[in-house]
N, C-alpha and C. Protein backbone atom coordinates (compact mmCIF):
# COMPACT_ATOMS: atom_id res chain seq x y z
N MET A 1 -2.40 3.26 -24.79
CA MET A 1 -2.49 1.86 -24.42
C MET A 1 -1.24 1.42 -23.66
N ALA A 2 -0.10 1.97 -24.06
CA ALA A 2 1.14 1.58 -23.38
C ALA A 2 1.10 2.02 -21.91
N ASN A 3 0.56 3.20 -21.65
CA ASN A 3 0.45 3.68 -20.27
C ASN A 3 -0.51 2.81 -19.47
N CYS A 4 -1.63 2.43 -20.05
CA CYS A 4 -2.58 1.54 -19.37
C CYS A 4 -1.93 0.21 -19.05
N ARG A 5 -1.17 -0.32 -19.98
CA ARG A 5 -0.48 -1.59 -19.77
C ARG A 5 0.53 -1.46 -18.62
N ARG A 6 1.26 -0.35 -18.59
CA ARG A 6 2.24 -0.13 -17.54
C ARG A 6 1.55 -0.06 -16.17
N ILE A 7 0.43 0.64 -16.09
CA ILE A 7 -0.32 0.74 -14.83
C ILE A 7 -0.81 -0.63 -14.40
N MET A 8 -1.34 -1.41 -15.32
CA MET A 8 -1.83 -2.74 -14.99
C MET A 8 -0.70 -3.64 -14.48
N GLU A 9 0.45 -3.57 -15.13
CA GLU A 9 1.59 -4.39 -14.71
C GLU A 9 2.09 -3.96 -13.32
N THR A 10 2.17 -2.65 -13.10
CA THR A 10 2.64 -2.14 -11.82
C THR A 10 1.63 -2.44 -10.71
N ARG A 11 0.35 -2.37 -11.04
CA ARG A 11 -0.69 -2.69 -10.07
C ARG A 11 -0.60 -4.16 -9.67
N ALA A 12 -0.43 -5.05 -10.64
CA ALA A 12 -0.31 -6.48 -10.35
C ALA A 12 0.94 -6.76 -9.52
N TYR A 13 2.04 -6.14 -9.86
CA TYR A 13 3.29 -6.30 -9.10
C TYR A 13 3.10 -5.84 -7.66
N THR A 14 2.54 -4.65 -7.47
CA THR A 14 2.35 -4.10 -6.12
C THR A 14 1.39 -4.97 -5.31
N THR A 15 0.34 -5.43 -5.93
CA THR A 15 -0.60 -6.32 -5.25
C THR A 15 0.11 -7.57 -4.76
N GLY A 16 0.89 -8.18 -5.62
CA GLY A 16 1.61 -9.40 -5.24
C GLY A 16 2.59 -9.17 -4.10
N GLU A 17 3.31 -8.06 -4.16
CA GLU A 17 4.27 -7.75 -3.11
C GLU A 17 3.58 -7.46 -1.78
N LEU A 18 2.46 -6.76 -1.81
CA LEU A 18 1.70 -6.50 -0.58
C LEU A 18 1.17 -7.81 0.00
N GLU A 19 0.67 -8.68 -0.85
CA GLU A 19 0.16 -9.97 -0.37
C GLU A 19 1.27 -10.79 0.29
N LYS A 20 2.49 -10.73 -0.24
CA LYS A 20 3.62 -11.42 0.38
C LYS A 20 3.90 -10.87 1.79
N LEU A 21 3.56 -9.60 2.00
CA LEU A 21 3.78 -8.96 3.31
C LEU A 21 2.61 -9.17 4.26
N GLY A 22 1.60 -9.94 3.82
CA GLY A 22 0.47 -10.24 4.68
C GLY A 22 -0.73 -9.33 4.52
N PHE A 23 -0.77 -8.58 3.45
CA PHE A 23 -1.90 -7.68 3.19
C PHE A 23 -2.99 -8.40 2.42
N ALA A 24 -4.22 -7.99 2.65
CA ALA A 24 -5.35 -8.37 1.81
C ALA A 24 -5.61 -7.19 0.89
N VAL A 25 -5.62 -7.44 -0.40
CA VAL A 25 -5.81 -6.36 -1.38
C VAL A 25 -7.10 -6.64 -2.14
N ILE A 26 -7.98 -5.67 -2.15
CA ILE A 26 -9.24 -5.82 -2.88
C ILE A 26 -8.93 -5.79 -4.38
N PRO A 27 -9.45 -6.75 -5.15
CA PRO A 27 -9.20 -6.76 -6.60
C PRO A 27 -9.58 -5.41 -7.21
N SER A 28 -8.74 -4.93 -8.12
CA SER A 28 -8.93 -3.59 -8.68
C SER A 28 -8.68 -3.58 -10.18
N MET A 29 -9.47 -2.79 -10.87
CA MET A 29 -9.27 -2.53 -12.29
C MET A 29 -8.99 -1.04 -12.47
N THR A 30 -8.59 -0.36 -11.39
CA THR A 30 -8.39 1.08 -11.39
C THR A 30 -6.90 1.40 -11.24
N ASN A 31 -6.60 2.68 -11.06
CA ASN A 31 -5.22 3.09 -10.86
C ASN A 31 -4.88 3.23 -9.38
N PHE A 32 -5.63 2.52 -8.53
CA PHE A 32 -5.33 2.51 -7.10
C PHE A 32 -5.71 1.17 -6.51
N LEU A 33 -5.17 0.92 -5.30
CA LEU A 33 -5.47 -0.30 -4.55
C LEU A 33 -6.03 0.06 -3.19
N LEU A 34 -6.92 -0.77 -2.68
CA LEU A 34 -7.33 -0.70 -1.28
C LEU A 34 -6.72 -1.92 -0.62
N ALA A 35 -5.90 -1.65 0.40
CA ALA A 35 -5.15 -2.73 1.03
C ALA A 35 -5.33 -2.69 2.54
N GLN A 36 -5.55 -3.86 3.12
CA GLN A 36 -5.67 -4.01 4.57
C GLN A 36 -4.51 -4.87 5.03
N GLY A 37 -3.75 -4.35 5.96
CA GLY A 37 -2.56 -5.06 6.38
C GLY A 37 -2.55 -5.44 7.84
N PRO A 38 -1.40 -5.94 8.28
CA PRO A 38 -1.24 -6.35 9.67
C PRO A 38 -1.08 -5.17 10.62
N VAL A 39 -1.12 -3.95 10.09
CA VAL A 39 -1.06 -2.73 10.88
C VAL A 39 -2.36 -1.98 10.65
N PRO A 40 -2.99 -1.45 11.70
CA PRO A 40 -4.22 -0.67 11.50
C PRO A 40 -4.02 0.43 10.45
N GLY A 41 -5.06 0.69 9.68
CA GLY A 41 -4.98 1.64 8.58
C GLY A 41 -4.44 3.00 8.97
N ARG A 42 -4.94 3.57 10.04
CA ARG A 42 -4.50 4.90 10.47
C ARG A 42 -3.03 4.89 10.85
N GLU A 43 -2.62 3.87 11.58
CA GLU A 43 -1.22 3.76 12.00
C GLU A 43 -0.30 3.64 10.78
N LEU A 44 -0.69 2.83 9.81
CA LEU A 44 0.11 2.66 8.61
C LEU A 44 0.18 3.96 7.83
N TYR A 45 -0.94 4.62 7.68
CA TYR A 45 -1.00 5.91 6.98
C TYR A 45 -0.04 6.92 7.62
N LEU A 46 -0.11 7.05 8.94
CA LEU A 46 0.75 8.02 9.64
C LEU A 46 2.22 7.63 9.56
N SER A 47 2.52 6.35 9.67
CA SER A 47 3.90 5.89 9.59
C SER A 47 4.48 6.12 8.20
N LEU A 48 3.67 5.89 7.17
CA LEU A 48 4.12 6.17 5.80
C LEU A 48 4.34 7.67 5.61
N LYS A 49 3.42 8.46 6.13
CA LYS A 49 3.53 9.92 6.00
C LYS A 49 4.82 10.42 6.64
N GLU A 50 5.17 9.87 7.81
CA GLU A 50 6.43 10.25 8.47
C GLU A 50 7.63 9.96 7.59
N ARG A 51 7.52 8.97 6.73
CA ARG A 51 8.61 8.58 5.83
C ARG A 51 8.52 9.27 4.47
N GLY A 52 7.59 10.20 4.33
CA GLY A 52 7.44 10.94 3.08
C GLY A 52 6.70 10.20 1.99
N VAL A 53 5.97 9.14 2.37
CA VAL A 53 5.20 8.37 1.39
C VAL A 53 3.72 8.65 1.66
N LEU A 54 3.05 9.22 0.67
CA LEU A 54 1.66 9.63 0.85
C LEU A 54 0.69 8.62 0.24
N VAL A 55 -0.24 8.18 1.07
CA VAL A 55 -1.36 7.34 0.67
C VAL A 55 -2.60 8.00 1.26
N ARG A 56 -3.75 7.45 0.97
CA ARG A 56 -4.99 7.98 1.54
C ARG A 56 -5.49 7.03 2.62
N TRP A 57 -6.13 7.61 3.63
CA TRP A 57 -6.78 6.84 4.68
C TRP A 57 -8.08 7.56 5.00
N PHE A 58 -9.15 6.80 5.12
CA PHE A 58 -10.46 7.36 5.38
C PHE A 58 -10.99 6.82 6.69
N ASP A 59 -11.39 7.70 7.58
CA ASP A 59 -11.94 7.31 8.87
C ASP A 59 -13.43 7.03 8.72
N GLN A 60 -13.72 5.99 7.96
CA GLN A 60 -15.09 5.56 7.71
C GLN A 60 -15.21 4.11 8.16
N PRO A 61 -16.31 3.75 8.81
CA PRO A 61 -16.42 2.41 9.41
C PRO A 61 -16.02 1.25 8.51
N ARG A 62 -16.44 1.22 7.27
CA ARG A 62 -16.19 0.05 6.43
C ARG A 62 -14.77 -0.02 5.87
N ILE A 63 -14.06 1.13 5.87
CA ILE A 63 -12.74 1.12 5.23
C ILE A 63 -11.64 1.69 6.12
N ARG A 64 -11.88 1.90 7.39
CA ARG A 64 -10.85 2.51 8.24
C ARG A 64 -9.64 1.60 8.46
N ASP A 65 -9.77 0.33 8.20
CA ASP A 65 -8.62 -0.58 8.33
C ASP A 65 -7.79 -0.66 7.04
N TYR A 66 -8.19 0.08 6.03
CA TYR A 66 -7.53 0.04 4.72
C TYR A 66 -6.77 1.33 4.45
N ILE A 67 -5.80 1.23 3.55
CA ILE A 67 -5.20 2.41 2.95
C ILE A 67 -5.49 2.36 1.46
N ARG A 68 -5.55 3.54 0.85
CA ARG A 68 -5.76 3.64 -0.60
C ARG A 68 -4.43 4.05 -1.21
N VAL A 69 -3.92 3.25 -2.10
CA VAL A 69 -2.60 3.45 -2.69
C VAL A 69 -2.75 3.72 -4.18
N SER A 70 -2.39 4.93 -4.59
CA SER A 70 -2.41 5.23 -6.03
C SER A 70 -1.22 4.55 -6.69
N ILE A 71 -1.44 4.02 -7.87
CA ILE A 71 -0.38 3.35 -8.61
C ILE A 71 0.46 4.41 -9.32
N GLY A 72 1.74 4.41 -9.02
CA GLY A 72 2.68 5.32 -9.66
C GLY A 72 3.63 4.53 -10.53
N SER A 73 4.82 5.08 -10.69
CA SER A 73 5.84 4.37 -11.46
C SER A 73 6.35 3.18 -10.65
N ARG A 74 7.05 2.30 -11.30
CA ARG A 74 7.63 1.13 -10.60
C ARG A 74 8.56 1.60 -9.49
N GLU A 75 9.34 2.64 -9.76
CA GLU A 75 10.25 3.17 -8.75
C GLU A 75 9.49 3.72 -7.54
N GLN A 76 8.40 4.42 -7.78
CA GLN A 76 7.58 4.95 -6.68
C GLN A 76 6.98 3.82 -5.87
N MET A 77 6.52 2.78 -6.55
CA MET A 77 5.91 1.67 -5.83
C MET A 77 6.96 0.89 -5.04
N ASP A 78 8.17 0.79 -5.57
CA ASP A 78 9.25 0.15 -4.82
C ASP A 78 9.59 0.95 -3.56
N ARG A 79 9.55 2.27 -3.67
CA ARG A 79 9.78 3.11 -2.49
C ARG A 79 8.68 2.90 -1.46
N PHE A 80 7.43 2.85 -1.92
CA PHE A 80 6.29 2.58 -1.04
C PHE A 80 6.45 1.23 -0.36
N LEU A 81 6.79 0.21 -1.12
CA LEU A 81 6.93 -1.14 -0.56
C LEU A 81 8.10 -1.22 0.42
N ALA A 82 9.17 -0.51 0.14
CA ALA A 82 10.30 -0.48 1.07
C ALA A 82 9.89 0.18 2.39
N ALA A 83 9.11 1.25 2.31
CA ALA A 83 8.64 1.92 3.52
C ALA A 83 7.71 1.02 4.31
N VAL A 84 6.81 0.32 3.63
CA VAL A 84 5.90 -0.61 4.31
C VAL A 84 6.69 -1.72 5.00
N THR A 85 7.67 -2.26 4.30
CA THR A 85 8.51 -3.32 4.88
C THR A 85 9.23 -2.81 6.12
N ASP A 86 9.76 -1.61 6.05
CA ASP A 86 10.44 -1.01 7.20
C ASP A 86 9.48 -0.84 8.38
N ILE A 87 8.29 -0.39 8.11
CA ILE A 87 7.28 -0.20 9.17
C ILE A 87 6.96 -1.54 9.82
N LEU A 88 6.75 -2.56 9.02
CA LEU A 88 6.43 -3.89 9.57
C LEU A 88 7.58 -4.44 10.39
N GLU A 89 8.81 -4.27 9.90
CA GLU A 89 9.98 -4.77 10.64
C GLU A 89 10.16 -4.01 11.94
N THR A 90 10.01 -2.70 11.91
CA THR A 90 10.15 -1.88 13.12
C THR A 90 9.08 -2.23 14.13
N ARG A 91 7.88 -2.45 13.63
CA ARG A 91 6.77 -2.80 14.52
C ARG A 91 6.99 -4.16 15.18
N SER A 92 7.51 -5.14 14.42
CA SER A 92 7.72 -6.47 14.98
C SER A 92 8.85 -6.47 15.99
N GLU A 93 9.82 -5.58 15.84
CA GLU A 93 10.90 -5.46 16.81
C GLU A 93 10.40 -4.98 18.16
N LYS A 94 9.32 -4.19 18.15
CA LYS A 94 8.76 -3.64 19.38
C LYS A 94 7.95 -4.67 20.15
N ILE A 95 7.50 -5.70 19.44
CA ILE A 95 6.64 -6.71 20.07
C ILE A 95 7.45 -7.73 20.82
């Protein structure tokens, strides 16, 4: 139960932080999130991968704009969020 509680807390934290960054996050009761952000899904997936952060991306019509993010430890999610923030800042500098 303690592990389930930790996952739920980390999922809620990550959802809130992504929403602050302009992402739409599909409500979830699982150990992962589907998130659509201000960067196309494939581009975000590849940019995260370049930074050593692995998420899933599916080239399927209904979900190609989303990434699938597994919920890890708070430290892992902070690393993911820092990478996403860096990607968004780098992208906005180019515009």
